[in-house]
Amino acid sequence: MKKLYLFAALGLGVLSLATLASCGKKDTTTYEHGELKVALPTGVIRTAGDIVALKKGFYKDEGVKVTGVNISGTNAITAINSNSDDLDLLTTGFVPDVQAISNGNDNIRFIGGTAVEGGALIAKKGNASKYKDSQTIINYTEIKNASLAFAVGEASFVVTNEYLTENDPTYNKEALNINNLADAQTVALQIGQGNFEVGFLPLEYANLYKDSYGIEIIAEAGELIPEYVCCRQATSKQKYEAKYDAFVAYEKARIRAWEFIDNEANKDEVVDIVSDYIGKEEDYVENYLYGGITKWSVDPNTKGIATYTDALKNAGVLKNEISDITSYVEAGAYEEAITYLASTYPTNAFYQDKLNLFNTYNK
């Protein structure tokens, strides 16, 4: 109604001139840094940062046109590794990307992050205290002697295995009672029914199923290894070199989106934007984005990539050796983006903090 009254107040003469001026006019927006085709799979919430940057016009502000492509999984990895024109950037996943590299796909390059942490250890409701320890977070002995259940490659088990390897001299992965199940829902169901004692899930599913399946959280995997990586942003070596300026602009926009999401004053708007884009209920989106399910981090986190790749190898997820995973990280575009923002806005505490984060985890 406010818009209606405003137009009425402008008068018919002004309105007519505006109408004539715009008649047949096309969008003449120029994108000085070109276009990027970015994987935004239907219904996936972990791309919230990209969604907010897109809908708030941050990409446009920075001079790069971003077009979302509904692609994920093996198809996305194949498109990146083959340098296909169909896709410039993969936005979700990390384990499949590293597995592809270990299997000989050497054209993949990590340039930024999507999120960190986000896993959980679970037990049947009422049993979690048995596996906790106030000093060591988890009770080494009880965890090692429990029947364990998870889907192959589950990050929270990879992290737990690495944590025990580093902190318990008596730990032997081969002596564990490991049960590989089909998926997260099956893990929750089996733990809730008491068929297995300790399960490993993405934190999102641990919260989703805690009431319906009678499970509770023992610990979050991020308590064991803080800032461990999950979803990374990946492109091809050729694309990174050919579209470097576009990637710098892209990262500037994503850092701005990160700041926007991080500000709780914007929560309602963020939830509306993401909920509408992915087609999920607002309560689900709000809980995921602001309920501690995961931690948003656009930073490439080179050290985290190296640490987690070692953890994958130690957990038996990688079948072939990768001599140096950091050679597949190209952090330059992100570094240029965050350095520019921090120097241009020296009083912006968020940008200064993220520049320090970059220097901590990438230098």
Protein backbone atom coordinates (compact mmCIF):
# COMPACT_ATOMS: atom_id res chain seq x y z
CA MET A 1 0.00 0.00 0.00
CA LYS A 2 2.86 2.38 0.75
CA LYS A 3 4.19 1.87 -2.79
CA LEU A 4 0.72 2.56 -4.21
CA TYR A 5 0.41 5.85 -2.33
CA LEU A 6 3.90 6.85 -3.41
CA PHE A 7 3.18 6.34 -7.09
CA ALA A 8 -0.11 8.20 -6.76
CA ALA A 9 1.70 11.14 -5.21
CA LEU A 10 4.16 11.33 -8.07
CA GLY A 11 1.43 12.30 -10.48
CA LEU A 12 0.36 10.95 -13.84
CA GLY A 13 2.73 13.19 -15.81
CA VAL A 14 5.85 11.94 -14.09
CA LEU A 15 4.60 8.38 -14.25
CA SER A 16 3.96 8.65 -17.96
CA LEU A 17 7.45 9.98 -18.62
CA ALA A 18 8.96 7.13 -16.61
CA THR A 19 6.87 4.62 -18.51
CA LEU A 20 7.91 6.00 -21.88
CA ALA A 21 11.54 6.13 -20.88
CA SER A 22 11.52 2.50 -19.82
CA CYS A 23 9.49 1.17 -22.74
CA GLY A 24 11.52 -1.46 -24.56
CA LYS A 25 14.55 -0.81 -22.37
CA LYS A 26 16.71 -3.85 -21.66
CA ASP A 27 18.91 -4.57 -18.68
CA THR A 28 22.22 -2.96 -19.61
CA THR A 29 24.09 -4.18 -16.56
CA THR A 30 27.68 -4.96 -17.40
CA TYR A 31 29.69 -7.49 -15.46
CA GLU A 32 33.28 -6.35 -15.78
CA HIS A 33 34.64 -9.61 -14.36
CA GLY A 34 32.46 -11.92 -16.45
CA GLU A 35 30.26 -14.84 -15.46
CA LEU A 36 30.59 -17.86 -13.19
CA LYS A 37 28.38 -20.93 -13.34
CA VAL A 38 28.10 -22.07 -9.73
CA ALA A 39 26.66 -25.36 -8.44
CA LEU A 40 23.55 -24.56 -6.39
CA PRO A 41 21.82 -27.93 -6.06
CA THR A 42 18.07 -27.82 -5.52
CA GLY A 43 17.04 -27.78 -1.86
CA VAL A 44 20.58 -27.69 -0.43
CA ILE A 45 20.89 -25.35 2.56
CA ARG A 46 24.67 -25.39 2.85
CA THR A 47 24.89 -23.01 -0.09
CA ALA A 48 23.05 -20.36 1.95
CA GLY A 49 25.97 -17.94 1.64
CA ASP A 50 25.84 -18.11 -2.14
CA ILE A 51 22.06 -17.79 -2.10
CA VAL A 52 22.18 -14.67 0.07
CA ALA A 53 24.94 -13.13 -2.06
CA LEU A 54 22.86 -13.80 -5.16
CA LYS A 55 19.55 -12.49 -3.83
CA LYS A 56 21.05 -9.44 -2.10
CA GLY A 57 22.83 -8.42 -5.28
CA PHE A 58 26.32 -8.70 -3.83
CA TYR A 59 27.67 -10.52 -6.90
CA LYS A 60 26.25 -7.84 -9.16
CA ASP A 61 27.79 -5.14 -6.93
CA GLU A 62 31.21 -6.76 -7.32
CA GLY A 63 30.91 -7.03 -11.10
CA VAL A 64 30.49 -10.78 -11.55
CA LYS A 65 27.42 -12.53 -12.93
CA VAL A 66 26.67 -15.73 -11.01
CA THR A 67 24.34 -18.28 -12.54
CA GLY A 68 23.18 -21.16 -10.37
CA VAL A 69 23.41 -24.66 -11.84
CA ASN A 70 21.48 -27.60 -10.40
CA ILE A 71 24.30 -30.12 -10.29
CA SER A 72 26.02 -32.09 -7.51
CA GLY A 73 27.86 -35.28 -6.68
CA THR A 74 29.82 -37.20 -9.30
CA ASN A 75 28.42 -35.11 -12.15
CA ALA A 76 29.75 -31.91 -10.58
CA ILE A 77 33.18 -33.41 -9.88
CA THR A 78 33.40 -34.71 -13.44
CA ALA A 79 32.44 -31.31 -14.84
CA ILE A 80 35.12 -29.56 -12.77
CA ASN A 81 37.87 -32.06 -13.47
CA SER A 82 37.15 -32.03 -17.20
CA ASN A 83 37.11 -28.22 -17.28
CA SER A 84 33.59 -28.31 -18.74
CA ASP A 85 31.85 -25.12 -19.85
CA ASP A 86 28.79 -26.33 -17.92
CA LEU A 87 30.25 -25.53 -14.50
CA ASP A 88 32.87 -23.21 -13.03
CA LEU A 89 32.55 -23.90 -9.33
CA LEU A 90 31.50 -26.83 -7.13
CA THR A 91 30.11 -25.62 -3.80
CA THR A 92 29.31 -28.69 -1.68
CA GLY A 93 31.22 -31.69 -0.49
CA PHE A 94 34.87 -32.33 0.25
CA VAL A 95 35.39 -36.04 0.81
CA PRO A 96 34.28 -36.98 -2.75
CA ASP A 97 36.59 -34.29 -4.15
CA VAL A 98 39.59 -35.60 -2.23
CA GLN A 99 38.70 -39.17 -3.19
CA ALA A 100 38.66 -38.07 -6.83
CA ILE A 101 42.11 -36.53 -6.43
CA SER A 102 43.42 -39.69 -4.77
CA ASN A 103 42.07 -41.66 -7.73
CA GLY A 104 44.08 -39.59 -10.21
CA ASN A 105 41.83 -36.61 -11.02
CA ASP A 106 44.48 -33.91 -10.73
CA ASN A 107 42.69 -30.88 -12.17
CA ILE A 108 40.60 -30.01 -9.09
CA ARG A 109 41.56 -26.90 -7.11
CA PHE A 110 40.08 -25.74 -3.79
CA ILE A 111 39.65 -21.96 -3.62
CA GLY A 112 37.35 -21.31 -0.67
CA GLY A 113 35.06 -22.76 1.95
CA THR A 114 31.37 -23.24 2.52
CA ALA A 115 31.24 -24.45 6.13
CA VAL A 116 33.31 -26.07 8.86
CA GLU A 117 32.50 -28.62 11.55
CA GLY A 118 28.94 -29.98 11.68
CA GLY A 119 29.23 -33.58 12.96
CA ALA A 120 28.06 -35.33 16.14
CA LEU A 121 28.54 -38.48 18.22
CA ILE A 122 25.23 -39.89 19.41
CA ALA A 123 23.84 -42.50 21.82
CA LYS A 124 20.43 -43.79 22.77
CA LYS A 125 18.58 -41.27 24.92
CA GLY A 126 19.74 -41.60 28.53
CA ASN A 127 23.05 -43.25 27.62
CA ALA A 128 25.16 -40.30 26.43
CA SER A 129 26.71 -39.56 29.84
CA LYS A 130 28.44 -42.95 29.77
CA TYR A 131 30.58 -41.83 26.84
CA LYS A 132 31.42 -38.32 28.08
CA ASP A 133 34.39 -37.13 30.06
CA SER A 134 34.80 -33.63 31.50
CA GLN A 135 38.57 -33.63 30.91
CA THR A 136 38.92 -35.40 27.57
CA ILE A 137 35.48 -34.58 26.10
CA ILE A 138 34.77 -38.23 25.33
CA ASN A 139 35.50 -41.31 27.42
CA TYR A 140 38.21 -43.10 25.44
CA THR A 141 37.66 -46.53 26.99
CA GLU A 142 33.88 -46.56 26.64
CA ILE A 143 33.98 -45.29 23.05
CA LYS A 144 36.56 -47.89 22.03
CA ASN A 145 34.60 -50.73 23.59
CA ALA A 146 31.22 -49.70 22.18
CA SER A 147 29.56 -51.01 19.02
CA LEU A 148 29.85 -48.18 16.52
CA ALA A 149 27.53 -47.31 13.64
CA PHE A 150 27.87 -44.83 10.77
CA ALA A 151 27.59 -44.45 7.03
CA VAL A 152 30.87 -44.91 5.14
CA GLY A 153 32.94 -41.72 5.08
CA GLU A 154 30.94 -39.97 7.81
CA ALA A 155 32.99 -36.94 8.93
CA SER A 156 32.24 -37.24 12.63
CA PHE A 157 33.78 -40.74 12.73
CA VAL A 158 36.79 -39.56 10.71
CA VAL A 159 37.32 -36.76 13.23
CA THR A 160 36.83 -39.05 16.24
CA ASN A 161 39.27 -41.60 14.83
CA GLU A 162 41.88 -38.86 14.35
CA TYR A 163 41.27 -37.46 17.83
CA LEU A 164 41.72 -40.86 19.47
CA THR A 165 44.79 -41.58 17.37
CA GLU A 166 46.41 -38.37 18.59
CA ASN A 167 45.34 -38.55 22.23
CA ASP A 168 45.11 -42.21 23.28
CA PRO A 169 48.33 -44.28 23.07
CA THR A 170 46.33 -47.51 23.37
CA TYR A 171 43.95 -46.72 20.52
CA ASN A 172 43.75 -49.27 17.70
CA LYS A 173 41.22 -48.63 14.97
CA GLU A 174 41.40 -52.23 13.80
CA ALA A 175 40.09 -53.42 17.15
CA LEU A 176 36.89 -51.36 16.94
CA ASN A 177 33.44 -52.88 16.50
CA ILE A 178 32.51 -50.93 13.36
CA ASN A 179 29.18 -51.28 11.58
CA ASN A 180 28.72 -49.49 8.27
CA LEU A 181 25.05 -48.64 7.69
CA ALA A 182 23.18 -47.30 4.68
CA ASP A 183 22.57 -43.68 5.65
CA ALA A 184 22.09 -41.19 8.48
CA GLN A 185 18.46 -42.10 9.11
CA THR A 186 19.33 -45.77 9.49
CA VAL A 187 22.10 -44.89 11.95
CA ALA A 188 19.69 -42.83 14.06
CA LEU A 189 17.07 -45.59 13.99
CA GLN A 190 19.50 -48.33 14.98
CA ILE A 191 21.05 -46.31 17.79
CA GLY A 192 17.62 -45.34 19.13
CA GLN A 193 16.55 -48.98 19.14
CA GLY A 194 19.67 -49.96 21.07
CA ASN A 195 21.08 -52.20 18.34
CA PHE A 196 24.36 -50.27 18.43
CA GLU A 197 25.77 -48.10 21.20
CA VAL A 198 27.50 -45.09 19.60
CA GLY A 199 26.61 -43.52 16.29
CA PHE A 200 28.16 -40.84 14.10
CA LEU A 201 25.96 -38.36 12.22
CA PRO A 202 25.98 -34.93 10.65
CA LEU A 203 24.83 -32.60 13.43
CA GLU A 204 21.84 -31.59 11.32
CA TYR A 205 20.50 -35.16 11.40
CA ALA A 206 21.38 -35.67 15.05
CA ASN A 207 19.08 -32.77 15.88
CA LEU A 208 16.47 -33.75 13.31
CA TYR A 209 16.09 -37.30 14.63
CA LYS A 210 16.71 -36.83 18.37
CA ASP A 211 13.04 -36.82 19.34
CA SER A 212 11.58 -39.15 16.73
CA TYR A 213 14.24 -41.84 17.23
CA GLY A 214 15.12 -41.29 20.90
CA ILE A 215 18.77 -40.33 20.54
CA GLU A 216 20.96 -37.70 22.21
CA ILE A 217 24.29 -36.07 21.47
CA ILE A 218 27.44 -37.23 23.26
CA ALA A 219 29.66 -34.52 21.77
CA GLU A 220 29.98 -32.41 18.68
CA ALA A 221 32.87 -33.38 16.43
CA GLY A 222 34.02 -29.75 16.37
CA GLU A 223 34.83 -30.08 20.07
CA LEU A 224 37.38 -32.75 19.15
CA ILE A 225 38.98 -30.97 16.18
CA PRO A 226 37.88 -27.32 15.94
CA GLU A 227 37.45 -25.81 12.46
CA TYR A 228 37.72 -29.15 10.66
CA VAL A 229 36.61 -28.68 7.08
CA CYS A 230 33.51 -30.03 5.44
CA CYS A 231 32.18 -28.41 2.26
CA ARG A 232 34.80 -26.69 0.10
CA GLN A 233 34.56 -24.58 -3.06
CA ALA A 234 36.36 -26.24 -5.97
CA THR A 235 37.15 -25.28 -9.55
CA SER A 236 39.57 -26.50 -12.20
CA LYS A 237 43.16 -25.33 -12.57
CA GLN A 238 42.37 -23.83 -15.98
CA LYS A 239 39.25 -22.02 -14.78
CA TYR A 240 41.07 -20.57 -11.79
CA GLU A 241 43.75 -19.10 -14.02
CA ALA A 242 41.40 -17.91 -16.77
CA LYS A 243 38.74 -16.44 -14.46
CA TYR A 244 40.87 -15.26 -11.56
CA ASP A 245 39.34 -11.76 -11.43
CA ALA A 246 35.86 -13.26 -11.44
CA PHE A 247 36.78 -15.49 -8.49
CA VAL A 248 38.15 -12.49 -6.54
CA ALA A 249 34.87 -10.65 -7.10
CA TYR A 250 32.94 -13.79 -6.20
CA GLU A 251 34.82 -14.15 -2.92
CA LYS A 252 34.27 -10.49 -2.02
CA ALA A 253 30.53 -11.01 -2.46
CA ARG A 254 30.56 -14.21 -0.39
CA ILE A 255 32.48 -12.55 2.46
CA ARG A 256 29.85 -9.80 2.44
CA ALA A 257 27.13 -12.46 2.56
CA TRP A 258 28.97 -14.16 5.44
CA GLU A 259 28.94 -10.87 7.34
CA PHE A 260 25.25 -10.35 6.53
CA ILE A 261 24.30 -13.84 7.77
CA ASP A 262 26.48 -13.46 10.85
CA ASN A 263 24.54 -10.38 11.94
CA GLU A 264 21.54 -11.63 13.94
CA ALA A 265 19.69 -8.40 13.11
CA ASN A 266 19.36 -9.81 9.57
CA LYS A 267 18.11 -13.22 10.70
CA ASP A 268 14.50 -12.85 9.56
CA GLU A 269 15.52 -11.59 6.14
CA VAL A 270 18.15 -14.32 5.71
CA VAL A 271 15.67 -17.03 6.71
CA ASP A 272 13.09 -15.65 4.26
CA ILE A 273 15.62 -15.54 1.40
CA VAL A 274 17.02 -19.04 1.96
CA SER A 275 13.68 -20.67 2.77
CA ASP A 276 12.12 -19.29 -0.40
CA TYR A 277 15.09 -20.34 -2.55
CA ILE A 278 15.49 -23.91 -1.32
CA GLY A 279 11.80 -24.61 -0.69
CA LYS A 280 12.17 -25.61 2.98
CA GLU A 281 10.18 -24.52 6.04
CA GLU A 282 11.39 -21.37 7.79
CA ASP A 283 11.76 -23.19 11.13
CA TYR A 284 14.11 -25.69 9.52
CA VAL A 285 16.16 -22.94 7.89
CA GLU A 286 16.35 -20.84 11.06
CA ASN A 287 17.43 -23.82 13.16
CA TYR A 288 20.08 -24.79 10.66
CA LEU A 289 21.50 -21.30 10.12
CA TYR A 290 21.19 -19.95 13.65
CA GLY A 291 20.76 -23.00 15.88
CA GLY A 292 24.40 -24.08 16.01
CA ILE A 293 24.05 -26.86 13.42
CA THR A 294 27.13 -25.77 11.52
CA LYS A 295 29.63 -22.94 11.33
CA TRP A 296 29.78 -20.81 8.21
CA SER A 297 33.28 -20.12 6.94
CA VAL A 298 34.15 -18.87 3.48
CA ASP A 299 37.88 -19.11 4.27
CA PRO A 300 39.81 -21.75 2.22
CA ASN A 301 41.42 -23.14 5.41
CA THR A 302 44.49 -24.72 3.81
CA LYS A 303 45.69 -26.15 7.12
CA GLY A 304 42.27 -27.64 7.79
CA ILE A 305 42.26 -29.26 4.35
CA ALA A 306 45.65 -30.85 5.04
CA THR A 307 44.64 -32.03 8.53
CA TYR A 308 41.36 -33.49 7.39
CA THR A 309 42.91 -35.21 4.38
CA ASP A 310 45.34 -36.94 6.73
CA ALA A 311 42.38 -37.91 8.92
CA LEU A 312 40.59 -39.40 5.91
CA LYS A 313 43.66 -41.47 5.08
CA ASN A 314 43.99 -42.66 8.69
CA ALA A 315 40.32 -43.60 8.78
CA GLY A 316 40.69 -45.72 5.64
CA VAL A 317 38.49 -43.49 3.48
CA LEU A 318 41.25 -42.76 0.96
CA LYS A 319 42.65 -45.78 -0.81
CA ASN A 320 45.53 -44.00 -2.55
CA GLU A 321 48.17 -41.67 -1.18
CA ILE A 322 48.07 -37.93 -1.96
CA SER A 323 51.60 -36.60 -1.65
CA ASP A 324 50.64 -32.99 -0.88
CA ILE A 325 46.98 -31.96 -0.79
CA THR A 326 47.96 -28.31 -0.29
CA SER A 327 49.21 -28.23 -3.89
CA TYR A 328 45.53 -28.48 -4.84
CA VAL A 329 44.64 -25.35 -2.85
CA GLU A 330 44.59 -21.95 -4.57
CA ALA A 331 43.91 -19.40 -1.83
CA GLY A 332 45.09 -16.32 -3.75
CA ALA A 333 41.69 -15.09 -4.93
CA TYR A 334 40.23 -15.30 -1.44
CA GLU A 335 43.30 -13.63 0.06
CA GLU A 336 42.99 -10.73 -2.38
CA ALA A 337 39.29 -10.40 -1.58
CA ILE A 338 39.59 -10.36 2.21
CA THR A 339 42.71 -8.16 2.12
CA TYR A 340 40.87 -5.63 -0.04
CA LEU A 341 37.82 -5.55 2.24
CA ALA A 342 39.90 -5.32 5.42
CA SER A 343 42.07 -2.50 4.06
CA THR A 344 39.17 -0.60 2.49
CA TYR A 345 37.07 -0.82 5.66
CA PRO A 346 39.66 -0.71 8.49
CA THR A 347 37.04 -0.11 11.19
CA ASN A 348 34.98 -3.14 10.18
CA ALA A 349 35.70 -5.66 12.93
CA PHE A 350 34.26 -8.56 10.93
CA TYR A 351 36.66 -8.07 8.02
CA GLN A 352 39.65 -7.64 10.35
CA ASP A 353 38.73 -10.84 12.17
CA LYS A 354 38.41 -12.80 8.93
CA LEU A 355 41.75 -11.50 7.68
CA ASN A 356 43.32 -12.77 10.90
CA LEU A 357 41.51 -16.08 10.40
CA PHE A 358 42.95 -16.35 6.90
CA ASN A 359 46.48 -15.67 8.13
CA THR A 360 46.06 -18.29 10.87
CA TYR A 361 44.79 -21.11 8.70
CA ASN A 362 46.46 -20.42 5.36
CA LYS A 363 49.96 -19.12 6.04
